PDB file of N, CA and C in Angstrom:
ATOM      1  N   UNK A   1      -9.979  11.296   4.019  1.00  0.00           N
ATOM      2  CA  UNK A   1      -9.713   9.792   3.969  1.00  0.00           C
ATOM      3  C   UNK A   1      -9.128   9.166   2.952  1.00  0.00           C
ATOM      4  N   UNK A   2     -10.654   8.908   2.317  1.00  0.00           N
ATOM      5  CA  UNK A   2     -10.584   7.883   1.247  1.00  0.00           C
ATOM      6  C   UNK A   2      -9.713   8.654  -0.283  1.00  0.00           C
ATOM      7  N   UNK A   3      -9.795  10.203  -0.535  1.00  0.00           N
ATOM      8  CA  UNK A   3      -8.686  10.548  -1.274  1.00  0.00           C
ATOM      9  C   UNK A   3      -6.964  10.617  -1.122  1.00  0.00           C
ATOM     10  N   UNK A   4      -7.204   9.969   0.284  1.00  0.00           N
ATOM     11  CA  UNK A   4      -5.889  10.097   0.364  1.00  0.00           C
ATOM     12  C   UNK A   4      -5.472   8.335  -0.227  1.00  0.00           C
ATOM     13  N   UNK A   5      -5.789   7.532   0.661  1.00  0.00           N
ATOM     14  CA  UNK A   5      -6.037   6.199   0.572  1.00  0.00           C
ATOM     15  C   UNK A   5      -5.682   5.829  -1.023  1.00  0.00           C
ATOM     16  N   UNK A   6      -6.961   6.259  -1.732  1.00  0.00           N
ATOM     17  CA  UNK A   6      -6.869   6.184  -3.830  1.00  0.00           C
ATOM     18  C   UNK A   6      -5.865   6.448  -3.985  1.00  0.00           C
ATOM     19  N   UNK A   7      -4.869   8.057  -3.771  1.00  0.00           N
ATOM     20  CA  UNK A   7      -3.451   8.529  -4.283  1.00  0.00           C
ATOM     21  C   UNK A   7      -2.862   6.876  -3.756  1.00  0.00           C
ATOM     22  N   UNK A   8      -2.637   6.760  -2.664  1.00  0.00           N
ATOM     23  CA  UNK A   8      -1.710   5.903  -1.930  1.00  0.00           C
ATOM     24  C   UNK A   8      -1.780   4.992  -2.802  1.00  0.00           C
ATOM     25  N   UNK A   9      -2.775   4.466  -3.671  1.00  0.00           N
ATOM     26  CA  UNK A   9      -3.182   2.588  -4.504  1.00  0.00           C
ATOM     27  C   UNK A   9      -2.595   2.744  -5.515  1.00  0.00           C
ATOM     28  N   UNK A  10      -2.762   4.657  -6.430  1.00  0.00           N
ATOM     29  CA  UNK A  10      -2.625   4.882  -7.227  1.00  0.00           C
ATOM     30  C   UNK A  10      -1.143   4.582  -7.229  1.00  0.00           C
ATOM     31  N   UNK A  11      -0.467   5.399  -6.258  1.00  0.00           N
ATOM     32  CA  UNK A  11       1.178   5.054  -6.111  1.00  0.00           C
ATOM     33  C   UNK A  11       1.765   3.478  -6.336  1.00  0.00           C
ATOM     34  N   UNK A  12       0.978   2.892  -5.440  1.00  0.00           N
ATOM     35  CA  UNK A  12       1.248   1.990  -4.939  1.00  0.00           C
ATOM     36  C   UNK A  12       1.533   0.981  -5.969  1.00  0.00           C
ATOM     37  N   UNK A  13       0.341   1.174  -7.161  1.00  0.00           N
ATOM     38  CA  UNK A  13      -0.196  -0.140  -8.481  1.00  0.00           C
ATOM     39  C   UNK A  13       0.770   0.200  -8.893  1.00  0.00           C
ATOM     40  N   UNK A  14       1.670   0.915  -9.105  1.00  0.00           N
ATOM     41  CA  UNK A  14       2.420   1.406 -10.353  1.00  0.00           C
ATOM     42  C   UNK A  14       3.689   1.106  -9.985  1.00  0.00           C
ATOM     43  N   UNK A  15       4.484   1.005  -9.162  1.00  0.00           N
ATOM     44  CA  UNK A  15       5.537   0.381  -7.924  1.00  0.00           C
ATOM     45  C   UNK A  15       6.099  -1.394  -8.433  1.00  0.00           C
ATOM     46  N   UNK A  16       6.456  -1.858 -10.197  1.00  0.00           N
ATOM     47  CA  UNK A  16       7.070  -2.757 -10.245  1.00  0.00           C
ATOM     48  C   UNK A  16       7.387  -4.215  -9.015  1.00  0.00           C
ATOM     49  N   UNK A  17       6.517  -4.745  -9.340  1.00  0.00           N
ATOM     50  CA  UNK A  17       6.733  -6.053  -8.406  1.00  0.00           C
ATOM     51  C   UNK A  17       6.067  -6.158  -7.066  1.00  0.00           C
ATOM     52  N   UNK A  18       4.980  -4.762  -7.020  1.00  0.00           N
ATOM     53  CA  UNK A  18       4.529  -5.227  -5.416  1.00  0.00           C
ATOM     54  C   UNK A  18       3.580  -5.569  -4.969  1.00  0.00           C
ATOM     55  N   UNK A  19       2.569  -6.179  -4.128  1.00  0.00           N
ATOM     56  CA  UNK A  19       1.990  -7.463  -4.325  1.00  0.00           C
ATOM     57  C   UNK A  19       0.886  -6.855  -4.721  1.00  0.00           C
ATOM     58  N   UNK A  20       0.537  -4.571  -4.711  1.00  0.00           N
ATOM     59  CA  UNK A  20      -0.252  -4.559  -4.775  1.00  0.00           C
ATOM     60  C   UNK A  20      -0.377  -4.459  -6.652  1.00  0.00           C
ATOM     61  N   UNK A  21       0.633  -3.746  -7.880  1.00  0.00           N
ATOM     62  CA  UNK A  21       0.512  -3.917  -8.199  1.00  0.00           C
ATOM     63  C   UNK A  21       0.072  -5.543  -8.987  1.00  0.00           C
ATOM     64  N   UNK A  22       0.307  -6.407  -8.430  1.00  0.00           N
ATOM     65  CA  UNK A  22      -0.177  -7.883  -9.203  1.00  0.00           C
ATOM     66  C   UNK A  22      -1.151  -7.348  -8.655  1.00  0.00           C
ATOM     67  N   UNK A  23      -1.662  -7.627  -7.922  1.00  0.00           N
ATOM     68  CA  UNK A  23      -3.378  -7.683  -7.459  1.00  0.00           C
ATOM     69  C   UNK A  23      -4.383  -6.730  -8.392  1.00  0.00           C
ATOM     70  N   UNK A  24      -3.642  -5.670  -8.515  1.00  0.00           N
ATOM     71  CA  UNK A  24      -4.254  -4.985  -9.587  1.00  0.00           C
ATOM     72  C   UNK A  24      -4.619  -5.451 -10.938  1.00  0.00           C
ATOM     73  N   UNK A  25      -3.106  -5.495 -11.244  1.00  0.00           N
ATOM     74  CA  UNK A  25      -3.485  -6.802 -12.788  1.00  0.00           C
ATOM     75  C   UNK A  25      -4.868  -7.557 -13.101  1.00  0.00           C
ATOM     76  N   UNK A  26      -4.232  -8.479 -11.804  1.00  0.00           N
ATOM     77  CA  UNK A  26      -5.305  -9.440 -11.246  1.00  0.00           C
ATOM     78  C   UNK A  26      -6.833  -8.868 -11.811  1.00  0.00           C
ATOM     79  N   UNK A  27      -7.119  -7.537 -10.588  1.00  0.00           N
ATOM     80  CA  UNK A  27      -8.653  -7.271 -11.208  1.00  0.00           C
ATOM     81  C   UNK A  27      -9.496  -6.746 -11.557  1.00  0.00           C
ATOM     82  N   UNK A  28      -8.368  -5.833 -12.038  1.00  0.00           N
ATOM     83  CA  UNK A  28      -8.330  -4.298 -13.662  1.00  0.00           C
ATOM     84  C   UNK A  28      -9.320  -5.000 -14.568  1.00  0.00           C
ATOM     85  N   UNK A  29      -9.393  -6.194 -14.805  1.00  0.00           N
ATOM     86  CA  UNK A  29      -9.662  -6.462 -16.127  1.00  0.00           C
ATOM     87  C   UNK A  29     -11.474  -6.528 -15.513  1.00  0.00           C
ATOM     88  N   UNK A  30     -11.523  -7.382 -14.010  1.00  0.00           N
ATOM     89  CA  UNK A  30     -13.077  -7.445 -14.182  1.00  0.00           C
ATOM     90  C   UNK A  30     -14.090  -6.199 -13.819  1.00  0.00           C
ATOM     91  N   UNK A  31     -13.211  -5.597 -13.020  1.00  0.00           N
ATOM     92  CA  UNK A  31     -13.553  -4.523 -12.032  1.00  0.00           C
ATOM     93  C   UNK A  31     -13.414  -3.466 -12.574  1.00  0.00           C
ATOM     94  N   UNK A  32     -12.420  -2.619 -13.193  1.00  0.00           N
ATOM     95  CA  UNK A  32     -11.490  -1.982 -13.958  1.00  0.00           C
ATOM     96  C   UNK A  32     -11.187  -0.661 -13.100  1.00  0.00           C
ATOM     97  N   UNK A  33     -10.509   0.160 -13.442  1.00  0.00           N
ATOM     98  CA  UNK A  33     -10.115   0.578 -12.802  1.00  0.00           C
ATOM     99  C   UNK A  33      -9.940   1.593 -11.522  1.00  0.00           C
ATOM    100  N   UNK A  34     -11.475   2.403 -11.114  1.00  0.00           N
ATOM    101  CA  UNK A  34     -11.555   2.967  -9.820  1.00  0.00           C
ATOM    102  C   UNK A  34     -12.594   1.842  -9.040  1.00  0.00           C
ATOM    103  N   UNK A  35     -12.569   0.755  -9.274  1.00  0.00           N
ATOM    104  CA  UNK A  35     -12.593   0.226  -8.610  1.00  0.00           C
ATOM    105  C   UNK A  35     -11.793  -1.193  -7.553  1.00  0.00           C
ATOM    106  N   UNK A  36     -11.376  -1.346  -9.365  1.00  0.00           N
ATOM    107  CA  UNK A  36      -9.526  -2.336  -8.344  1.00  0.00           C
ATOM    108  C   UNK A  36      -9.130  -0.856  -7.166  1.00  0.00           C
ATOM    109  N   UNK A  37      -9.082  -0.056  -7.395  1.00  0.00           N
ATOM    110  CA  UNK A  37      -8.080   1.549  -7.170  1.00  0.00           C
ATOM    111  C   UNK A  37      -9.060   1.052  -5.513  1.00  0.00           C
ATOM    112  N   UNK A  38      -9.657   1.546  -5.074  1.00  0.00           N
ATOM    113  CA  UNK A  38     -10.592   1.031  -4.191  1.00  0.00           C
ATOM    114  C   UNK A  38     -10.309  -0.284  -3.314  1.00  0.00           C
ATOM    115  N   UNK A  39     -10.293  -1.073  -4.621  1.00  0.00           N
ATOM    116  CA  UNK A  39      -9.937  -2.594  -3.441  1.00  0.00           C
ATOM    117  C   UNK A  39      -8.750  -2.117  -2.988  1.00  0.00           C
ATOM    118  N   UNK A  40      -7.577  -1.747  -3.475  1.00  0.00           N
ATOM    119  CA  UNK A  40      -6.565  -1.724  -3.072  1.00  0.00           C
ATOM    120  C   UNK A  40      -6.708  -0.554  -2.033  1.00  0.00           C
ATOM    121  N   UNK A  41      -6.886   0.273  -2.288  1.00  0.00           N
ATOM    122  CA  UNK A  41      -6.843   1.012  -0.863  1.00  0.00           C
ATOM    123  C   UNK A  41      -7.837   0.566   0.277  1.00  0.00           C
ATOM    124  N   UNK A  42      -8.741   0.190   0.660  1.00  0.00           N
ATOM    125  CA  UNK A  42      -9.433  -0.970   1.099  1.00  0.00           C
ATOM    126  C   UNK A  42      -8.348  -2.170   1.647  1.00  0.00           C
ATOM    127  N   UNK A  43      -7.505  -2.647   0.718  1.00  0.00           N
ATOM    128  CA  UNK A  43      -6.216  -3.044   1.697  1.00  0.00           C
ATOM    129  C   UNK A  43      -5.230  -2.714   2.084  1.00  0.00           C
ATOM    130  N   UNK A  44      -5.264  -1.659   1.746  1.00  0.00           N
ATOM    131  CA  UNK A  44      -3.878  -0.215   2.231  1.00  0.00           C
ATOM    132  C   UNK A  44      -4.608   0.255   3.799  1.00  0.00           C
ATOM    133  N   UNK A  45      -5.639   0.765   3.965  1.00  0.00           N
ATOM    134  CA  UNK A  45      -6.641   0.751   5.304  1.00  0.00           C
ATOM    135  C   UNK A  45      -6.283  -0.071   5.650  1.00  0.00           C
ATOM    136  N   UNK A  46      -6.390  -1.461   6.477  1.00  0.00           N
ATOM    137  CA  UNK A  46      -6.492  -2.966   7.001  1.00  0.00           C
ATOM    138  C   UNK A  46      -5.115  -2.706   7.275  1.00  0.00           C
ATOM    139  N   UNK A  47      -3.963  -2.927   6.343  1.00  0.00           N
ATOM    140  CA  UNK A  47      -2.701  -2.976   6.115  1.00  0.00           C
ATOM    141  C   UNK A  47      -2.376  -1.425   7.591  1.00  0.00           C
ATOM    142  N   UNK A  48      -2.386  -0.797   6.972  1.00  0.00           N
ATOM    143  CA  UNK A  48      -2.201   0.499   8.134  1.00  0.00           C
ATOM    144  C   UNK A  48      -2.905   0.123   9.043  1.00  0.00           C
ATOM    145  N   UNK A  49      -3.415  -0.333   9.567  1.00  0.00           N
ATOM    146  CA  UNK A  49      -4.475  -0.262  11.206  1.00  0.00           C
ATOM    147  C   UNK A  49      -3.894  -1.484  11.745  1.00  0.00           C
ATOM    148  N   UNK A  50      -3.750  -2.390  11.085  1.00  0.00           N
ATOM    149  CA  UNK A  50      -2.579  -3.109  11.595  1.00  0.00           C
ATOM    150  C   UNK A  50      -1.209  -3.012  12.086  1.00  0.00           C
ATOM    151  N   UNK A  51      -0.652  -2.283  10.928  1.00  0.00           N
ATOM    152  CA  UNK A  51       0.719  -1.624  11.609  1.00  0.00           C
ATOM    153  C   UNK A  51       0.729  -1.229  12.979  1.00  0.00           C
ATOM    154  N   UNK A  52      -0.466  -0.367  12.771  1.00  0.00           N
ATOM    155  CA  UNK A  52      -0.232   0.342  14.183  1.00  0.00           C
ATOM    156  C   UNK A  52      -0.988   0.173  14.801  1.00  0.00           C
ATOM    157  N   UNK A  53      -1.778  -0.756  14.977  1.00  0.00           N
ATOM    158  CA  UNK A  53      -2.556  -1.163  16.850  1.00  0.00           C
ATOM    159  C   UNK A  53      -2.219  -2.187  16.725  1.00  0.00           C
ATOM    160  N   UNK A  54      -0.733  -3.305  15.954  1.00  0.00           N
ATOM    161  CA  UNK A  54      -0.233  -4.545  16.649  1.00  0.00           C
ATOM    162  C   UNK A  54       1.027  -3.966  16.843  1.00  0.00           C
ATOM    163  N   UNK A  55       1.558  -3.449  15.894  1.00  0.00           N
ATOM    164  CA  UNK A  55       3.146  -2.825  16.101  1.00  0.00           C
ATOM    165  C   UNK A  55       3.994  -3.711  15.362  1.00  0.00           C
ATOM    166  N   UNK A  56       3.247  -4.534  14.195  1.00  0.00           N
ATOM    167  CA  UNK A  56       4.065  -5.727  13.212  1.00  0.00           C
ATOM    168  C   UNK A  56       5.095  -4.310  12.539  1.00  0.00           C
ATOM    169  N   UNK A  57       5.157  -4.380  11.628  1.00  0.00           N
ATOM    170  CA  UNK A  57       6.604  -4.403  11.224  1.00  0.00           C
ATOM    171  C   UNK A  57       6.601  -4.646   9.534  1.00  0.00           C
ATOM    172  N   UNK A  58       6.465  -3.733   8.357  1.00  0.00           N
ATOM    173  CA  UNK A  58       5.748  -4.226   7.167  1.00  0.00           C
ATOM    174  C   UNK A  58       6.962  -4.756   6.867  1.00  0.00           C
ATOM    175  N   UNK A  59       6.312  -6.358   6.104  1.00  0.00           N
ATOM    176  CA  UNK A  59       7.378  -7.143   5.085  1.00  0.00           C
ATOM    177  C   UNK A  59       6.755  -6.836   3.659  1.00  0.00           C
ATOM    178  N   UNK A  60       7.337  -6.412   2.388  1.00  0.00           N
ATOM    179  CA  UNK A  60       7.029  -6.542   1.256  1.00  0.00           C
ATOM    180  C   UNK A  60       6.690  -8.243   0.216  1.00  0.00           C
ATOM    181  N   UNK A  61       6.087  -8.608   0.903  1.00  0.00           N
ATOM    182  CA  UNK A  61       5.730  -9.871   0.244  1.00  0.00           C
ATOM    183  C   UNK A  61       5.423  -9.933  -1.223  1.00  0.00           C
ATOM    184  N   UNK A  62       5.764  -9.390  -2.362  1.00  0.00           N
ATOM    185  CA  UNK A  62       5.832  -9.327  -3.514  1.00  0.00           C
ATOM    186  C   UNK A  62       6.780 -10.748  -3.837  1.00  0.00           C
ATOM    187  N   UNK A  63       7.048 -10.869  -5.294  1.00  0.00           N
ATOM    188  CA  UNK A  63       7.544 -12.024  -6.475  1.00  0.00           C
ATOM    189  C   UNK A  63       9.453 -11.354  -5.897  1.00  0.00           C
ATOM    190  N   UNK A  64       9.697 -12.825  -5.201  1.00  0.00           N
ATOM    191  CA  UNK A  64      11.393 -12.892  -5.630  1.00  0.00           C
ATOM    192  C   UNK A  64      11.905 -12.008  -6.634  1.00  0.00           C
ATOM    193  N   UNK A  65      12.863 -11.691  -6.524  1.00  0.00           N
ATOM    194  CA  UNK A  65      14.040 -10.856  -7.821  1.00  0.00           C
ATOM    195  C   UNK A  65      15.057 -10.888  -7.848  1.00  0.00           C
ATOM    196  N   UNK A  66      15.770 -11.414  -7.873  1.00  0.00           N
ATOM    197  CA  UNK A  66      17.483 -11.980  -7.876  1.00  0.00           C
ATOM    198  C   UNK A  66      17.907 -10.647  -8.335  1.00  0.00           C
ATOM    199  N   UNK A  67      18.655 -10.629  -7.182  1.00  0.00           N
ATOM    200  CA  UNK A  67      20.027  -9.847  -7.280  1.00  0.00           C
ATOM    201  C   UNK A  67      20.331  -9.414  -8.314  1.00  0.00           C
ATOM    202  N   UNK A  68      21.040 -11.083  -8.678  1.00  0.00           N
ATOM    203  CA  UNK A  68      22.533 -11.421  -9.525  1.00  0.00           C
ATOM    204  C   UNK A  68      21.587 -11.175 -10.997  1.00  0.00           C
ATOM    205  N   UNK A  69      22.420 -11.038 -12.245  1.00  0.00           N
ATOM    206  CA  UNK A  69      21.156 -11.102 -13.100  1.00  0.00           C
ATOM    207  C   UNK A  69      21.683 -12.785 -12.847  1.00  0.00           C
ATOM    208  N   UNK A  70      22.494 -13.327 -12.741  1.00  0.00           N
ATOM    209  CA  UNK A  70      23.369 -15.058 -12.797  1.00  0.00           C
ATOM    210  C   UNK A  70      22.726 -15.406 -12.691  1.00  0.00           C
ATOM    211  N   UNK A  71      21.802 -15.562 -11.283  1.00  0.00           N
ATOM    212  CA  UNK A  71      20.903 -16.282 -10.814  1.00  0.00           C
ATOM    213  C   UNK A  71      19.634 -16.394 -11.073  1.00  0.00           C
ATOM    214  N   UNK A  72      19.101 -15.686 -12.203  1.00  0.00           N
ATOM    215  CA  UNK A  72      17.974 -16.041 -13.049  1.00  0.00           C
ATOM    216  C   UNK A  72      17.827 -17.655 -14.200  1.00  0.00           C
ATOM    217  N   UNK A  73      16.540 -17.833 -14.547  1.00  0.00           N
ATOM    218  CA  UNK A  73      16.316 -19.292 -14.780  1.00  0.00           C
ATOM    219  C   UNK A  73      17.326 -19.228 -16.178  1.00  0.00           C
ATOM    220  N   UNK A  74      18.539 -20.362 -16.451  1.00  0.00           N
ATOM    221  CA  UNK A  74      19.526 -20.098 -17.377  1.00  0.00           C
ATOM    222  C   UNK A  74      18.372 -20.954 -18.371  1.00  0.00           C
ATOM    223  N   UNK A  75      18.684 -19.818 -19.888  1.00  0.00           N
ATOM    224  CA  UNK A  75      17.772 -19.833 -21.106  1.00  0.00           C
ATOM    225  C   UNK A  75      19.530 -21.067 -21.929  1.00  0.00           C
ATOM    226  N   UNK A  76      17.895 -22.007 -23.004  1.00  0.00           N
ATOM    227  CA  UNK A  76      19.146 -23.515 -23.261  1.00  0.00           C
ATOM    228  C   UNK A  76      19.390 -22.724 -24.944  1.00  0.00           C
TER     229      UNK A  76
END
């Protein structure tokens, strides 16, 4: 089970703009790659448990990305 969660964590941190990628970048400098993947795998495990036991649907809470480039911050 741990290996599957670690593979899922590795895939999650490679997805640009995900909350797991942001968490990975924040922690990897202190903990290193392997321990950070373990932390993210643990969070994924908790998230999966909540989804299965409480029946809550998952919504990504990453940074808001504008759909239209014209909505981005104007540069002077």
